[in-house]
Amino acid sequence: MWNNLTGNIPKEIGNISTLKLLNLNGNHLSGFIPDEIGYLENLKRLQIDQNKISGPIPKSFANLMSMEHLHMNNNSLSGKIPSELSKMPGLLHLLLDNNDLSGPLPPKLAETHSLKILQADNNNFSGSSIPSAYNNIKTLIKMSLRNCSLQGGIPDLSGLPGLGYLDLSWNQLTGSIPTNRLASNITTMY
C-alpha cells in the first residue's frame, strides 16, 4: 500500500488460495476488479481504496466466506451494489464511499449477520430510498449514506441497538424525523 503501483490488479492473484489479506490501497491501480479475487475463500480483508479502479463490483464476491473488511472507497466503481455481498457471513466493514455506484441500495444487505459499518457516501443512488429492511441489521454501529441522491422518508431504525453514528445528510429525504424510531444509543446524527 501507498506506493506508485500502476496498471491492473492481476487476475493471477486469484490463484493464491491461502491469501488472507490483500492491501493495495493508496496506489494508482486502474481497470476492473478481477472476478478471480472472488474465489479466495480464505481472504479476510480486501483494501483497494484510493486507487483509480473502475467497473462493477464482481458478483463472485459472494464466495468470499471469510471476508470481514471490504474497503473499496475512493475509486471509480460503477453499477449497482451486488445483493450477493449479503452472503458474506462474517462481513464487518463495507466501505464504498466516493465511487460512481448507482441503482437501488440492496435490501438483502439486511441479511448480513455481523455488519458493523455501512459507508457509501458520495454515490448516486438516484430515485432510491433507504430500505426499511436495514432496521434488521442488528449489529450496525455506523451507517453513513451522505450525498447519495436518496429519496423518501427516514425508515424506522429503532431495531438497531448499537447504532451510534448516522449520516443521511445531503440527500432529498422527505417527511419528518421519526419520533422514538431512531436507535436508542445514537450519539451522532447528521
Protein backbone atom coordinates (compact mmCIF):
# COMPACT_ATOMS: atom_id res chain seq x y z
CA MET A 1 0.00 0.00 0.00
CA TRP A 2 0.92 3.66 -0.52
CA ASN A 3 3.32 3.12 -3.39
CA ASN A 4 3.16 4.15 -7.04
CA LEU A 5 1.85 0.88 -8.43
CA THR A 6 0.06 1.26 -11.77
CA GLY A 7 -1.83 -0.99 -14.17
CA ASN A 8 -4.50 -3.56 -13.37
CA ILE A 9 -4.84 -5.88 -10.40
CA PRO A 10 -3.54 -9.16 -11.87
CA LYS A 11 -6.18 -11.87 -12.12
CA GLU A 12 -3.49 -14.38 -11.12
CA ILE A 13 -3.84 -13.15 -7.52
CA GLY A 14 -6.96 -15.33 -7.54
CA ASN A 15 -4.66 -18.39 -7.63
CA ILE A 16 -3.16 -17.67 -4.19
CA SER A 17 -5.67 -19.82 -2.31
CA THR A 18 -4.04 -19.23 1.11
CA LEU A 19 -4.23 -15.42 0.82
CA LYS A 20 -5.89 -13.80 3.85
CA LEU A 21 -5.00 -10.12 3.37
CA LEU A 22 -4.79 -8.12 0.14
CA ASN A 23 -3.96 -4.48 0.82
CA LEU A 24 -3.37 -2.36 -2.30
CA ASN A 25 -4.76 0.97 -1.15
CA GLY A 26 -3.19 4.32 -1.97
CA ASN A 27 -1.71 3.42 -5.36
CA HIS A 28 -2.55 4.29 -8.99
CA LEU A 29 -4.14 0.99 -9.95
CA SER A 30 -6.83 1.09 -12.64
CA GLY A 31 -9.06 -1.25 -14.61
CA PHE A 32 -11.68 -3.64 -13.26
CA ILE A 33 -11.53 -5.82 -10.16
CA PRO A 34 -10.77 -9.35 -11.41
CA ASP A 35 -13.59 -11.86 -10.84
CA GLU A 36 -10.89 -14.31 -9.71
CA ILE A 37 -10.46 -12.44 -6.41
CA GLY A 38 -13.97 -13.62 -5.55
CA TYR A 39 -12.70 -17.18 -5.26
CA LEU A 40 -10.16 -16.58 -2.49
CA GLU A 41 -12.05 -18.47 0.20
CA ASN A 42 -9.55 -17.53 2.94
CA LEU A 43 -9.47 -13.79 2.17
CA LYS A 44 -10.46 -11.83 5.29
CA ARG A 45 -9.50 -8.31 4.26
CA LEU A 46 -9.51 -6.59 0.87
CA GLN A 47 -8.41 -2.97 0.76
CA ILE A 48 -8.23 -1.40 -2.67
CA ASP A 49 -9.31 2.07 -1.57
CA GLN A 50 -7.79 5.24 -3.01
CA ASN A 51 -6.92 3.96 -6.47
CA LYS A 52 -8.46 4.52 -9.92
CA ILE A 53 -10.30 1.20 -10.14
CA SER A 54 -13.46 1.25 -12.26
CA GLY A 55 -16.23 -1.07 -13.36
CA PRO A 56 -18.62 -3.17 -11.30
CA ILE A 57 -18.15 -4.95 -8.00
CA PRO A 58 -17.83 -8.62 -9.03
CA LYS A 59 -20.77 -10.86 -8.10
CA SER A 60 -18.16 -13.55 -7.44
CA PHE A 61 -17.53 -11.75 -4.13
CA ALA A 62 -20.49 -13.80 -2.82
CA ASN A 63 -17.95 -16.63 -2.48
CA LEU A 64 -15.74 -14.72 -0.02
CA MET A 65 -16.92 -16.65 3.02
CA SER A 66 -14.07 -15.43 5.26
CA MET A 67 -14.34 -11.74 4.33
CA GLU A 68 -14.51 -9.30 7.25
CA HIS A 69 -13.23 -5.97 5.87
CA LEU A 70 -14.15 -4.85 2.35
CA HIS A 71 -12.70 -1.39 1.69
CA MET A 72 -13.23 -0.14 -1.87
CA ASN A 73 -13.82 3.56 -1.23
CA ASN A 74 -12.32 6.41 -3.25
CA ASN A 75 -12.25 4.75 -6.67
CA SER A 76 -14.47 4.93 -9.76
CA LEU A 77 -16.53 1.77 -9.22
CA SER A 78 -19.83 1.83 -11.11
CA GLY A 79 -23.05 -0.14 -11.36
CA LYS A 80 -25.14 -1.49 -8.52
CA ILE A 81 -24.01 -2.76 -5.15
CA PRO A 82 -24.48 -6.52 -5.67
CA SER A 83 -27.02 -8.04 -3.31
CA GLU A 84 -24.70 -11.07 -3.30
CA LEU A 85 -22.49 -9.26 -0.77
CA SER A 86 -25.09 -10.26 1.83
CA LYS A 87 -23.81 -13.85 1.56
CA MET A 88 -20.56 -12.98 3.37
CA PRO A 89 -21.30 -14.36 6.85
CA GLY A 90 -18.54 -12.50 8.71
CA LEU A 91 -18.57 -9.13 6.93
CA LEU A 92 -17.89 -6.35 9.46
CA HIS A 93 -16.99 -3.29 7.34
CA LEU A 94 -18.38 -2.36 3.92
CA LEU A 95 -16.80 0.88 2.74
CA LEU A 96 -17.93 2.01 -0.72
CA ASP A 97 -17.91 5.79 -0.39
CA ASN A 98 -16.68 8.15 -3.11
CA ASN A 99 -17.37 5.99 -6.17
CA ASP A 100 -19.82 6.15 -9.09
CA LEU A 101 -22.21 3.48 -7.79
CA SER A 102 -25.87 3.76 -8.78
CA GLY A 103 -29.16 1.87 -8.69
CA PRO A 104 -31.08 0.99 -5.54
CA LEU A 105 -29.46 0.14 -2.23
CA PRO A 106 -29.84 -3.65 -1.91
CA PRO A 107 -32.35 -4.62 0.81
CA LYS A 108 -30.61 -8.01 1.03
CA LEU A 109 -27.72 -6.35 2.91
CA ALA A 110 -30.06 -6.64 5.90
CA GLU A 111 -29.35 -10.39 5.82
CA THR A 112 -25.74 -9.90 6.89
CA HIS A 113 -25.09 -11.38 10.30
CA SER A 114 -22.28 -9.17 11.59
CA LEU A 115 -22.11 -5.90 9.61
CA LYS A 116 -20.97 -3.04 11.85
CA ILE A 117 -20.12 -0.28 9.36
CA LEU A 118 -22.01 0.55 6.17
CA GLN A 119 -20.47 3.55 4.45
CA ALA A 120 -21.48 4.52 0.92
CA ASP A 121 -21.29 8.34 0.91
CA ASN A 122 -20.98 10.31 -2.33
CA ASN A 123 -22.52 7.86 -4.77
CA ASN A 124 -25.60 8.29 -6.96
CA PHE A 125 -28.45 6.04 -5.85
CA SER A 126 -30.86 8.45 -7.56
CA GLY A 127 -34.54 7.74 -7.00
CA SER A 128 -33.72 5.08 -4.45
CA SER A 129 -34.81 5.07 -0.83
CA ILE A 130 -33.20 3.66 2.28
CA PRO A 131 -34.55 0.11 2.57
CA SER A 132 -36.71 -0.37 5.66
CA ALA A 133 -35.06 -3.79 5.98
CA TYR A 134 -31.90 -2.05 7.22
CA ASN A 135 -33.66 -1.88 10.59
CA ASN A 136 -32.81 -5.60 10.81
CA ILE A 137 -29.01 -5.17 10.71
CA LYS A 138 -28.83 -5.60 14.49
CA THR A 139 -25.01 -5.33 14.64
CA LEU A 140 -24.78 -1.96 12.84
CA ILE A 141 -22.94 0.79 14.74
CA LYS A 142 -22.36 3.22 11.84
CA MET A 143 -24.44 3.97 8.77
CA SER A 144 -23.26 6.77 6.51
CA LEU A 145 -25.17 7.46 3.29
CA ARG A 146 -24.35 11.16 2.83
CA ASN A 147 -24.85 12.77 -0.59
CA CYS A 148 -26.28 9.74 -2.37
CA SER A 149 -29.36 11.29 -4.08
CA LEU A 150 -31.61 9.22 -1.82
CA GLN A 151 -35.33 10.00 -1.67
CA GLY A 152 -38.27 9.09 0.52
CA GLY A 153 -38.52 9.10 4.28
CA ILE A 154 -36.18 8.08 7.04
CA PRO A 155 -37.04 4.47 7.91
CA ASP A 156 -37.60 3.10 11.39
CA LEU A 157 -34.14 2.39 12.82
CA SER A 158 -35.22 1.61 16.38
CA GLY A 159 -34.22 -2.03 15.89
CA LEU A 160 -30.52 -1.13 15.76
CA PRO A 161 -29.49 -1.16 19.44
CA GLY A 162 -25.82 -0.32 18.81
CA LEU A 163 -26.22 2.37 16.15
CA GLY A 164 -24.20 5.35 17.35
CA TYR A 165 -23.47 7.22 14.11
CA LEU A 166 -26.00 8.07 11.40
CA ASP A 167 -25.31 10.40 8.47
CA LEU A 168 -28.08 10.86 5.91
CA SER A 169 -27.23 14.46 5.03
CA TRP A 170 -27.23 15.98 1.54
CA ASN A 171 -29.98 13.76 0.15
CA GLN A 172 -33.55 14.51 -0.95
CA LEU A 173 -35.24 12.87 2.03
CA THR A 174 -38.80 13.94 2.86
CA GLY A 175 -41.19 13.73 5.75
CA SER A 176 -40.46 14.15 9.41
CA ILE A 177 -37.65 12.84 11.57
CA PRO A 178 -39.05 9.70 13.21
CA THR A 179 -40.05 10.23 16.83
CA ASN A 180 -38.86 7.40 19.09
CA ARG A 181 -37.93 5.41 15.99
CA LEU A 182 -34.19 6.01 15.91
CA ALA A 183 -31.62 3.91 17.70
CA SER A 184 -31.56 4.50 21.45
CA ASN A 185 -27.74 4.72 21.70
CA ILE A 186 -27.19 7.22 18.88
CA THR A 187 -24.57 9.86 19.68
CA THR A 188 -24.02 11.47 16.26
CA MET A 189 -26.69 12.25 13.72
CA TYR A 190 -26.49 14.31 10.52
